[in-house]
N, C-alpha and C. Protein backbone atom coordinates (compact mmCIF):
# COMPACT_ATOMS: atom_id res chain seq x y z
N MET A 1 127.72 120.94 91.24
CA MET A 1 127.23 120.02 92.26
C MET A 1 127.67 120.53 93.62
N THR A 2 126.71 120.56 94.56
CA THR A 2 127.02 121.03 95.90
C THR A 2 127.29 119.86 96.81
N THR A 3 127.90 120.18 97.95
CA THR A 3 128.22 119.12 98.90
C THR A 3 127.00 118.63 99.65
N ASP A 4 125.91 119.41 99.64
CA ASP A 4 124.73 118.97 100.37
C ASP A 4 123.78 118.14 99.50
N THR A 5 124.17 117.88 98.26
CA THR A 5 123.36 117.03 97.39
C THR A 5 123.43 115.60 97.91
N VAL A 6 122.23 115.02 98.05
CA VAL A 6 122.16 113.66 98.57
C VAL A 6 121.79 112.74 97.41
N PHE A 7 122.60 111.74 97.22
CA PHE A 7 122.30 110.74 96.22
C PHE A 7 121.71 109.54 96.93
N THR A 8 120.56 109.11 96.44
CA THR A 8 119.96 107.92 97.03
C THR A 8 119.89 106.84 95.96
N GLU A 9 120.15 105.66 96.39
CA GLU A 9 120.05 104.52 95.48
C GLU A 9 118.58 104.28 95.16
N PRO A 10 118.25 104.06 93.90
CA PRO A 10 116.86 103.72 93.59
C PRO A 10 116.52 102.38 94.24
N LYS A 11 115.30 102.32 94.77
CA LYS A 11 114.87 101.10 95.44
C LYS A 11 114.50 100.04 94.42
N LEU A 12 114.92 98.82 94.70
CA LEU A 12 114.61 97.71 93.82
C LEU A 12 113.12 97.35 93.92
N LEU A 13 112.58 97.40 95.14
CA LEU A 13 111.18 97.06 95.39
C LEU A 13 110.51 98.20 96.13
N PRO A 14 109.26 98.50 95.80
CA PRO A 14 108.57 99.56 96.52
C PRO A 14 108.18 99.11 97.93
N GLY A 15 108.13 100.05 98.85
CA GLY A 15 107.71 99.72 100.21
C GLY A 15 108.85 99.16 101.04
N ASP A 16 108.48 98.64 102.17
CA ASP A 16 109.43 98.08 103.12
C ASP A 16 109.86 96.68 102.69
N LEU A 17 111.13 96.35 102.86
CA LEU A 17 111.64 95.05 102.46
C LEU A 17 110.95 93.91 103.21
N ALA A 18 110.57 94.14 104.46
CA ALA A 18 109.92 93.09 105.26
C ALA A 18 108.62 92.61 104.61
N ILE A 19 107.86 93.54 103.99
CA ILE A 19 106.60 93.12 103.37
C ILE A 19 106.86 92.16 102.21
N TRP A 20 108.00 92.32 101.56
CA TRP A 20 108.31 91.45 100.43
C TRP A 20 108.64 90.03 100.89
N PHE A 21 109.25 89.89 102.06
CA PHE A 21 109.44 88.55 102.62
C PHE A 21 108.09 87.93 102.95
N PHE A 22 107.20 88.74 103.53
CA PHE A 22 105.86 88.28 103.87
C PHE A 22 105.09 87.90 102.60
N ILE A 23 105.15 88.75 101.57
CA ILE A 23 104.47 88.46 100.31
C ILE A 23 105.00 87.18 99.69
N PHE A 24 106.32 87.01 99.71
CA PHE A 24 106.91 85.79 99.17
C PHE A 24 106.38 84.55 99.90
N MET A 25 106.31 84.62 101.22
CA MET A 25 105.81 83.48 101.99
C MET A 25 104.33 83.22 101.69
N GLU A 26 103.55 84.27 101.57
CA GLU A 26 102.13 84.12 101.24
C GLU A 26 101.96 83.50 99.85
N LEU A 27 102.73 83.97 98.89
CA LEU A 27 102.64 83.40 97.55
C LEU A 27 103.08 81.94 97.53
N LEU A 28 104.05 81.61 98.36
CA LEU A 28 104.48 80.21 98.47
C LEU A 28 103.34 79.33 98.99
N VAL A 29 102.65 79.81 100.02
CA VAL A 29 101.53 79.04 100.59
C VAL A 29 100.42 78.89 99.54
N PHE A 30 100.05 79.98 98.89
CA PHE A 30 99.02 79.89 97.85
C PHE A 30 99.49 78.98 96.71
N GLY A 31 100.77 79.06 96.35
CA GLY A 31 101.30 78.21 95.30
C GLY A 31 101.15 76.73 95.63
N ILE A 32 101.43 76.38 96.87
CA ILE A 32 101.26 74.98 97.32
C ILE A 32 99.80 74.57 97.23
N PHE A 33 98.91 75.46 97.67
CA PHE A 33 97.47 75.21 97.55
C PHE A 33 97.08 74.99 96.08
N PHE A 34 97.58 75.84 95.18
CA PHE A 34 97.22 75.74 93.77
C PHE A 34 97.74 74.44 93.16
N ILE A 35 98.94 74.03 93.54
CA ILE A 35 99.50 72.77 93.03
C ILE A 35 98.68 71.59 93.53
N ALA A 36 98.33 71.61 94.83
CA ALA A 36 97.50 70.54 95.38
C ALA A 36 96.15 70.48 94.67
N TYR A 37 95.56 71.65 94.41
CA TYR A 37 94.29 71.70 93.69
C TYR A 37 94.44 71.07 92.30
N ALA A 38 95.50 71.45 91.58
CA ALA A 38 95.72 70.93 90.23
C ALA A 38 95.92 69.42 90.23
N VAL A 39 96.66 68.90 91.19
CA VAL A 39 96.89 67.45 91.28
C VAL A 39 95.58 66.73 91.54
N MET A 40 94.80 67.24 92.50
CA MET A 40 93.52 66.58 92.82
C MET A 40 92.53 66.70 91.66
N ARG A 41 92.60 67.80 90.95
CA ARG A 41 91.71 67.99 89.80
C ARG A 41 92.00 66.94 88.72
N VAL A 42 93.28 66.70 88.45
CA VAL A 42 93.67 65.70 87.45
C VAL A 42 93.17 64.32 87.86
N GLN A 43 93.20 64.03 89.15
CA GLN A 43 92.77 62.72 89.65
C GLN A 43 91.25 62.58 89.71
N ASN A 44 90.53 63.71 89.71
CA ASN A 44 89.06 63.69 89.84
C ASN A 44 88.42 64.64 88.83
N ILE A 45 88.83 64.54 87.59
CA ILE A 45 88.45 65.55 86.61
C ILE A 45 86.94 65.65 86.39
N GLU A 46 86.24 64.53 86.35
CA GLU A 46 84.78 64.60 86.12
C GLU A 46 84.08 65.29 87.28
N MET A 47 84.45 64.92 88.50
CA MET A 47 83.83 65.54 89.67
C MET A 47 84.13 67.03 89.71
N PHE A 48 85.38 67.42 89.47
CA PHE A 48 85.75 68.84 89.49
C PHE A 48 84.99 69.61 88.41
N ASN A 49 84.89 69.03 87.20
CA ASN A 49 84.16 69.70 86.12
C ASN A 49 82.68 69.85 86.47
N GLN A 50 82.10 68.81 87.06
CA GLN A 50 80.68 68.84 87.42
C GLN A 50 80.39 69.94 88.45
N TYR A 51 81.16 69.96 89.52
CA TYR A 51 80.86 70.90 90.60
C TYR A 51 81.37 72.32 90.32
N GLN A 52 82.32 72.41 89.41
CA GLN A 52 82.78 73.74 89.00
C GLN A 52 81.62 74.50 88.35
N LEU A 53 80.74 73.78 87.65
CA LEU A 53 79.59 74.42 87.00
C LEU A 53 78.59 74.99 88.00
N THR A 54 78.69 74.60 89.26
CA THR A 54 77.77 75.14 90.28
C THR A 54 78.25 76.48 90.83
N LEU A 55 79.46 76.88 90.47
CA LEU A 55 79.99 78.15 90.96
C LEU A 55 79.39 79.30 90.15
N ASN A 56 79.28 80.44 90.79
CA ASN A 56 78.72 81.62 90.15
C ASN A 56 79.84 82.39 89.45
N ARG A 57 80.04 82.09 88.18
CA ARG A 57 81.13 82.72 87.42
C ARG A 57 80.91 84.22 87.26
N GLU A 58 79.65 84.63 87.19
CA GLU A 58 79.37 86.06 87.02
C GLU A 58 79.86 86.84 88.25
N LEU A 59 79.53 86.34 89.44
CA LEU A 59 80.00 87.01 90.66
C LEU A 59 81.53 86.96 90.73
N GLY A 60 82.10 85.83 90.34
CA GLY A 60 83.56 85.71 90.33
C GLY A 60 84.20 86.71 89.38
N ALA A 61 83.59 86.91 88.21
CA ALA A 61 84.12 87.86 87.23
C ALA A 61 83.99 89.30 87.74
N VAL A 62 82.84 89.61 88.34
CA VAL A 62 82.67 90.95 88.91
C VAL A 62 83.68 91.18 90.02
N ASN A 63 83.91 90.17 90.84
CA ASN A 63 84.91 90.29 91.91
C ASN A 63 86.31 90.52 91.33
N THR A 64 86.60 89.88 90.22
CA THR A 64 87.89 90.10 89.56
C THR A 64 88.02 91.55 89.13
N LEU A 65 86.97 92.08 88.53
CA LEU A 65 86.98 93.49 88.11
C LEU A 65 87.11 94.42 89.32
N LEU A 66 86.42 94.09 90.41
CA LEU A 66 86.51 94.92 91.62
C LEU A 66 87.94 94.97 92.15
N LEU A 67 88.60 93.82 92.21
CA LEU A 67 89.97 93.80 92.74
C LEU A 67 90.96 94.48 91.80
N ILE A 68 90.81 94.26 90.50
CA ILE A 68 91.71 94.91 89.55
C ILE A 68 91.52 96.43 89.61
N THR A 69 90.28 96.86 89.68
CA THR A 69 89.99 98.29 89.78
C THR A 69 90.53 98.87 91.08
N SER A 70 90.35 98.15 92.17
CA SER A 70 90.85 98.67 93.44
C SER A 70 92.38 98.72 93.45
N SER A 71 93.03 97.80 92.74
CA SER A 71 94.49 97.87 92.62
C SER A 71 94.90 99.12 91.84
N TYR A 72 94.12 99.45 90.83
CA TYR A 72 94.38 100.68 90.09
C TYR A 72 94.24 101.90 91.02
N PHE A 73 93.22 101.88 91.86
CA PHE A 73 93.03 102.98 92.80
C PHE A 73 94.21 103.10 93.77
N VAL A 74 94.76 101.97 94.17
CA VAL A 74 95.93 101.99 95.06
C VAL A 74 97.14 102.58 94.32
N VAL A 75 97.29 102.24 93.06
CA VAL A 75 98.38 102.83 92.26
C VAL A 75 98.21 104.35 92.22
N ARG A 76 96.99 104.80 92.03
CA ARG A 76 96.72 106.25 92.01
C ARG A 76 97.04 106.88 93.37
N ALA A 77 96.75 106.16 94.45
CA ALA A 77 97.05 106.67 95.80
C ALA A 77 98.55 106.85 95.99
N VAL A 78 99.32 105.88 95.54
CA VAL A 78 100.78 105.97 95.65
C VAL A 78 101.28 107.15 94.82
N TYR A 79 100.77 107.29 93.62
CA TYR A 79 101.17 108.40 92.77
C TYR A 79 100.82 109.74 93.42
N ALA A 80 99.64 109.82 94.02
CA ALA A 80 99.20 111.07 94.66
C ALA A 80 100.11 111.44 95.83
N ILE A 81 100.48 110.46 96.65
CA ILE A 81 101.32 110.79 97.81
C ILE A 81 102.72 111.20 97.35
N LYS A 82 103.19 110.65 96.25
CA LYS A 82 104.50 111.05 95.72
C LYS A 82 104.48 112.49 95.22
N LEU A 83 103.28 113.00 94.94
CA LEU A 83 103.12 114.41 94.56
C LEU A 83 102.73 115.27 95.77
N ASN A 84 102.75 114.64 96.95
CA ASN A 84 102.39 115.28 98.22
C ASN A 84 100.92 115.72 98.26
N LYS A 85 100.08 115.02 97.54
CA LYS A 85 98.64 115.28 97.54
C LYS A 85 97.97 114.28 98.49
N VAL A 86 98.08 114.58 99.77
CA VAL A 86 97.64 113.65 100.82
C VAL A 86 96.14 113.38 100.72
N SER A 87 95.34 114.42 100.59
CA SER A 87 93.88 114.20 100.56
C SER A 87 93.48 113.37 99.33
N LEU A 88 94.15 113.58 98.21
CA LEU A 88 93.88 112.78 97.02
C LEU A 88 94.29 111.32 97.26
N CYS A 89 95.42 111.13 97.90
CA CYS A 89 95.88 109.78 98.27
C CYS A 89 94.82 109.08 99.12
N VAL A 90 94.32 109.79 100.12
CA VAL A 90 93.30 109.23 101.02
C VAL A 90 92.04 108.88 100.23
N ASN A 91 91.62 109.76 99.32
CA ASN A 91 90.42 109.48 98.53
C ASN A 91 90.60 108.24 97.65
N TRP A 92 91.77 108.10 97.04
CA TRP A 92 92.02 106.91 96.23
C TRP A 92 92.02 105.65 97.10
N LEU A 93 92.57 105.77 98.31
CA LEU A 93 92.56 104.61 99.21
C LEU A 93 91.13 104.25 99.64
N TYR A 94 90.30 105.25 99.87
CA TYR A 94 88.89 104.97 100.17
C TYR A 94 88.21 104.26 99.00
N ALA A 95 88.53 104.69 97.78
CA ALA A 95 87.97 104.02 96.60
C ALA A 95 88.43 102.56 96.54
N ALA A 96 89.72 102.33 96.84
CA ALA A 96 90.23 100.95 96.87
C ALA A 96 89.52 100.13 97.95
N LEU A 97 89.30 100.74 99.10
CA LEU A 97 88.57 100.05 100.17
C LEU A 97 87.14 99.72 99.73
N GLY A 98 86.53 100.61 98.96
CA GLY A 98 85.20 100.33 98.43
C GLY A 98 85.21 99.11 97.52
N GLY A 99 86.25 98.99 96.70
CA GLY A 99 86.37 97.80 95.85
C GLY A 99 86.54 96.54 96.67
N GLY A 100 87.36 96.63 97.72
CA GLY A 100 87.54 95.49 98.61
C GLY A 100 86.25 95.11 99.31
N LEU A 101 85.50 96.11 99.77
CA LEU A 101 84.23 95.85 100.44
C LEU A 101 83.24 95.21 99.47
N GLY A 102 83.20 95.70 98.24
CA GLY A 102 82.34 95.08 97.23
C GLY A 102 82.69 93.63 97.02
N PHE A 103 84.00 93.33 96.97
CA PHE A 103 84.45 91.94 96.83
C PHE A 103 83.92 91.09 97.98
N LEU A 104 84.09 91.59 99.21
CA LEU A 104 83.66 90.81 100.39
C LEU A 104 82.16 90.58 100.39
N ILE A 105 81.40 91.58 99.98
CA ILE A 105 79.94 91.43 99.95
C ILE A 105 79.54 90.36 98.93
N LEU A 106 80.09 90.46 97.72
CA LEU A 106 79.73 89.47 96.69
C LEU A 106 80.19 88.07 97.07
N LYS A 107 81.36 87.97 97.66
CA LYS A 107 81.85 86.65 98.08
C LYS A 107 80.96 86.09 99.19
N SER A 108 80.51 86.95 100.09
CA SER A 108 79.61 86.51 101.16
C SER A 108 78.29 86.02 100.60
N ILE A 109 77.79 86.67 99.57
CA ILE A 109 76.57 86.21 98.90
C ILE A 109 76.80 84.82 98.32
N GLU A 110 77.94 84.65 97.68
CA GLU A 110 78.28 83.35 97.09
C GLU A 110 78.37 82.27 98.17
N TYR A 111 79.04 82.59 99.28
CA TYR A 111 79.13 81.62 100.39
C TYR A 111 77.75 81.30 100.96
N SER A 112 76.93 82.32 101.10
CA SER A 112 75.59 82.12 101.65
C SER A 112 74.79 81.14 100.80
N GLU A 113 74.91 81.28 99.47
CA GLU A 113 74.22 80.36 98.57
C GLU A 113 74.70 78.93 98.77
N LYS A 114 76.02 78.76 98.92
CA LYS A 114 76.58 77.41 99.08
C LYS A 114 76.20 76.82 100.44
N PHE A 115 76.33 77.62 101.51
CA PHE A 115 76.03 77.10 102.84
C PHE A 115 74.54 76.78 103.00
N SER A 116 73.67 77.60 102.40
CA SER A 116 72.23 77.33 102.50
C SER A 116 71.85 76.08 101.71
N ALA A 117 72.67 75.70 100.74
CA ALA A 117 72.44 74.46 99.99
C ALA A 117 73.06 73.26 100.71
N GLY A 118 73.62 73.48 101.90
CA GLY A 118 74.20 72.39 102.68
C GLY A 118 75.63 72.04 102.30
N ILE A 119 76.26 72.89 101.52
CA ILE A 119 77.63 72.63 101.08
C ILE A 119 78.60 73.12 102.15
N ASN A 120 79.60 72.29 102.45
CA ASN A 120 80.65 72.67 103.41
C ASN A 120 81.96 72.00 103.01
N LEU A 121 82.97 72.14 103.85
CA LEU A 121 84.30 71.58 103.53
C LEU A 121 84.30 70.07 103.32
N SER A 122 83.37 69.37 103.95
CA SER A 122 83.37 67.91 103.85
C SER A 122 82.41 67.39 102.78
N THR A 123 81.81 68.27 101.98
CA THR A 123 80.87 67.83 100.94
C THR A 123 81.58 66.94 99.91
N ASN A 124 82.68 67.42 99.37
CA ASN A 124 83.51 66.64 98.46
C ASN A 124 84.85 67.35 98.29
N THR A 125 85.74 66.73 97.55
CA THR A 125 87.09 67.28 97.39
C THR A 125 87.07 68.63 96.68
N PHE A 126 86.21 68.78 95.67
CA PHE A 126 86.15 70.06 94.96
C PHE A 126 85.76 71.18 95.91
N TYR A 127 84.67 70.98 96.64
CA TYR A 127 84.21 72.05 97.54
C TYR A 127 85.18 72.29 98.69
N MET A 128 85.89 71.25 99.09
CA MET A 128 86.91 71.45 100.13
C MET A 128 87.97 72.43 99.62
N PHE A 129 88.41 72.24 98.37
CA PHE A 129 89.40 73.16 97.80
C PHE A 129 88.80 74.53 97.53
N TYR A 130 87.60 74.54 96.94
CA TYR A 130 86.96 75.81 96.63
C TYR A 130 86.80 76.66 97.89
N LEU A 131 86.25 76.08 98.93
CA LEU A 131 86.01 76.84 100.17
C LEU A 131 87.33 77.20 100.85
N SER A 132 88.26 76.27 100.90
CA SER A 132 89.55 76.55 101.56
C SER A 132 90.30 77.68 100.85
N LEU A 133 90.44 77.55 99.54
CA LEU A 133 91.18 78.56 98.77
C LEU A 133 90.52 79.92 98.83
N THR A 134 89.22 79.96 98.58
CA THR A 134 88.55 81.26 98.53
C THR A 134 88.41 81.89 99.91
N MET A 135 88.22 81.08 100.94
CA MET A 135 88.14 81.66 102.30
C MET A 135 89.50 82.16 102.77
N PHE A 136 90.55 81.44 102.42
CA PHE A 136 91.90 81.89 102.76
C PHE A 136 92.17 83.23 102.06
N HIS A 137 91.77 83.32 100.80
CA HIS A 137 91.92 84.58 100.08
C HIS A 137 91.04 85.67 100.69
N PHE A 138 89.81 85.33 101.05
CA PHE A 138 88.88 86.27 101.69
C PHE A 138 89.53 86.92 102.91
N LEU A 139 90.18 86.09 103.72
CA LEU A 139 90.87 86.61 104.92
C LEU A 139 92.00 87.56 104.54
N HIS A 140 92.66 87.29 103.43
CA HIS A 140 93.72 88.18 102.96
C HIS A 140 93.16 89.51 102.47
N VAL A 141 91.97 89.47 101.87
CA VAL A 141 91.32 90.72 101.48
C VAL A 141 91.00 91.54 102.73
N VAL A 142 90.46 90.88 103.75
CA VAL A 142 90.16 91.58 105.02
C VAL A 142 91.43 92.20 105.58
N LEU A 143 92.52 91.43 105.65
CA LEU A 143 93.78 91.96 106.16
C LEU A 143 94.27 93.13 105.31
N GLY A 144 94.19 92.98 103.99
CA GLY A 144 94.61 94.06 103.11
C GLY A 144 93.80 95.32 103.34
N MET A 145 92.50 95.16 103.57
CA MET A 145 91.66 96.33 103.85
C MET A 145 92.03 96.98 105.18
N LEU A 146 92.35 96.18 106.16
CA LEU A 146 92.78 96.74 107.46
C LEU A 146 94.08 97.53 107.29
N ILE A 147 94.98 96.99 106.48
CA ILE A 147 96.25 97.69 106.22
C ILE A 147 95.98 99.01 105.51
N LEU A 148 95.14 98.98 104.47
CA LEU A 148 94.83 100.21 103.74
C LEU A 148 94.14 101.23 104.64
N PHE A 149 93.24 100.76 105.50
CA PHE A 149 92.55 101.68 106.40
C PHE A 149 93.53 102.29 107.40
N ALA A 150 94.47 101.50 107.89
CA ALA A 150 95.49 102.03 108.79
C ALA A 150 96.32 103.10 108.09
N ILE A 151 96.60 102.89 106.81
CA ILE A 151 97.35 103.88 106.03
C ILE A 151 96.53 105.16 105.89
N VAL A 152 95.21 105.02 105.67
CA VAL A 152 94.34 106.19 105.58
C VAL A 152 94.43 107.01 106.87
N ILE A 153 94.33 106.33 108.00
CA ILE A 153 94.39 107.03 109.29
C ILE A 153 95.72 107.75 109.45
N LYS A 154 96.80 107.05 109.16
CA LYS A 154 98.12 107.67 109.28
C LYS A 154 98.30 108.83 108.30
N ALA A 155 97.79 108.66 107.08
CA ALA A 155 97.91 109.73 106.09
C ALA A 155 97.15 110.97 106.55
N LYS A 156 95.98 110.78 107.12
CA LYS A 156 95.20 111.92 107.62
C LYS A 156 95.92 112.64 108.75
N ARG A 157 96.75 111.92 109.47
CA ARG A 157 97.52 112.51 110.58
C ARG A 157 98.84 113.11 110.10
N GLY A 158 99.08 113.06 108.80
CA GLY A 158 100.28 113.68 108.25
C GLY A 158 101.53 112.82 108.26
N ALA A 159 101.35 111.51 108.37
CA ALA A 159 102.51 110.61 108.46
C ALA A 159 103.23 110.42 107.13
N TYR A 160 102.56 110.73 106.01
CA TYR A 160 103.16 110.46 104.71
C TYR A 160 103.29 111.76 103.92
N THR A 161 104.39 111.84 103.18
CA THR A 161 104.66 112.98 102.30
C THR A 161 105.31 112.46 101.03
N GLU A 162 105.66 113.38 100.14
CA GLU A 162 106.34 112.96 98.91
C GLU A 162 107.71 112.37 99.20
N LYS A 163 108.29 112.72 100.35
CA LYS A 163 109.61 112.20 100.71
C LYS A 163 109.53 110.98 101.62
N ASN A 164 108.40 110.80 102.27
CA ASN A 164 108.24 109.70 103.20
C ASN A 164 106.92 108.99 102.90
N HIS A 165 106.96 108.09 101.96
CA HIS A 165 105.74 107.39 101.55
C HIS A 165 105.92 105.87 101.51
N THR A 166 106.94 105.40 102.18
CA THR A 166 107.21 103.95 102.19
C THR A 166 106.01 103.16 102.71
N GLY A 167 105.34 103.68 103.72
CA GLY A 167 104.17 102.97 104.27
C GLY A 167 103.07 102.79 103.25
N VAL A 168 102.83 103.81 102.44
CA VAL A 168 101.80 103.71 101.40
C VAL A 168 102.22 102.66 100.37
N GLU A 169 103.47 102.69 99.96
CA GLU A 169 103.97 101.70 99.00
C GLU A 169 103.90 100.28 99.58
N THR A 170 104.18 100.16 100.86
CA THR A 170 104.14 98.84 101.51
C THR A 170 102.73 98.27 101.48
N GLY A 171 101.76 99.08 101.88
CA GLY A 171 100.37 98.64 101.85
C GLY A 171 99.91 98.33 100.43
N ALA A 172 100.34 99.16 99.48
CA ALA A 172 99.99 98.94 98.08
C ALA A 172 100.55 97.62 97.58
N SER A 173 101.78 97.32 97.96
CA SER A 173 102.41 96.05 97.53
C SER A 173 101.61 94.85 98.04
N TYR A 174 101.19 94.92 99.29
CA TYR A 174 100.39 93.81 99.85
C TYR A 174 99.07 93.70 99.09
N TRP A 175 98.41 94.83 98.84
CA TRP A 175 97.12 94.81 98.15
C TRP A 175 97.26 94.22 96.75
N HIS A 176 98.34 94.54 96.07
CA HIS A 176 98.56 93.99 94.73
C HIS A 176 98.77 92.47 94.80
N MET A 177 99.41 91.99 95.86
CA MET A 177 99.58 90.54 96.03
C MET A 177 98.22 89.88 96.17
N VAL A 178 97.32 90.49 96.95
CA VAL A 178 95.97 89.94 97.14
C VAL A 178 95.25 89.87 95.79
N ASP A 179 95.40 90.91 95.00
CA ASP A 179 94.80 90.97 93.67
C ASP A 179 95.40 89.89 92.77
N LEU A 180 96.72 89.77 92.75
CA LEU A 180 97.39 88.78 91.92
C LEU A 180 96.92 87.36 92.25
N VAL A 181 96.79 87.06 93.53
CA VAL A 181 96.34 85.71 93.92
C VAL A 181 94.95 85.44 93.36
N TRP A 182 94.06 86.43 93.44
CA TRP A 182 92.70 86.23 92.90
C TRP A 182 92.73 86.05 91.39
N ILE A 183 93.60 86.79 90.71
CA ILE A 183 93.69 86.68 89.25
C ILE A 183 94.12 85.26 88.84
N ILE A 184 94.86 84.58 89.70
CA ILE A 184 95.22 83.18 89.45
C ILE A 184 94.11 82.25 89.92
N LEU A 185 93.56 82.53 91.10
CA LEU A 185 92.56 81.66 91.72
C LEU A 185 91.27 81.61 90.89
N PHE A 186 90.80 82.75 90.43
CA PHE A 186 89.52 82.79 89.71
C PHE A 186 89.51 81.87 88.48
N PRO A 187 90.43 82.01 87.54
CA PRO A 187 90.36 81.09 86.39
C PRO A 187 90.65 79.64 86.78
N LEU A 188 91.56 79.45 87.72
CA LEU A 188 91.92 78.09 88.13
C LEU A 188 90.72 77.33 88.68
N VAL A 189 89.97 77.97 89.56
CA VAL A 189 88.86 77.27 90.23
C VAL A 189 87.53 77.43 89.50
N TYR A 190 87.28 78.58 88.90
CA TYR A 190 85.97 78.86 88.30
C TYR A 190 85.87 78.51 86.82
N ILE A 191 86.97 78.60 86.07
CA ILE A 191 86.86 78.57 84.61
C ILE A 191 87.57 77.39 83.95
N ILE A 192 88.86 77.17 84.27
CA ILE A 192 89.65 76.17 83.55
C ILE A 192 89.03 74.79 83.74
N ARG A 193 88.79 74.13 82.60
CA ARG A 193 88.16 72.80 82.64
C ARG A 193 89.08 71.78 82.03
């Protein structure tokens, strides 16, 4: 063993610690939303069951696949940068962004159908929760995509390497949180009766 050997403590969480405080707060907010939804559903079960059937489960399922797949692409991007394969990392991030864009397009189609039918936040309690929860999540997808795109730009400029990839891990952690929230939101609002 030489004196210039550097021992580093393995990180408990990937990415920057600050993002984990942010993720925790976001999950707390979504958790409160989910609890409120569940309480109101129990109090209005027939109405919730009736209007839940008006949701497009097929689009919701495709969106679930898009987000899960894009999370896989983000995992591949992190793995690529750890091997110092910057261009491969960028390509995987572009693929993840494509999944996010697909999600936004399909969700916009779903919203368009609801709004053209005259449905809005004040239509009833179910639609108030459906629109509030999914639009709040929609905004998180947009933010996640902006973060991933910023990482792409920085990666192209040489900001990340196999030794300095915390930024990629940080963005990946946020993107996985967005995916996790949808994995809970989709069955809760679209499927569970």
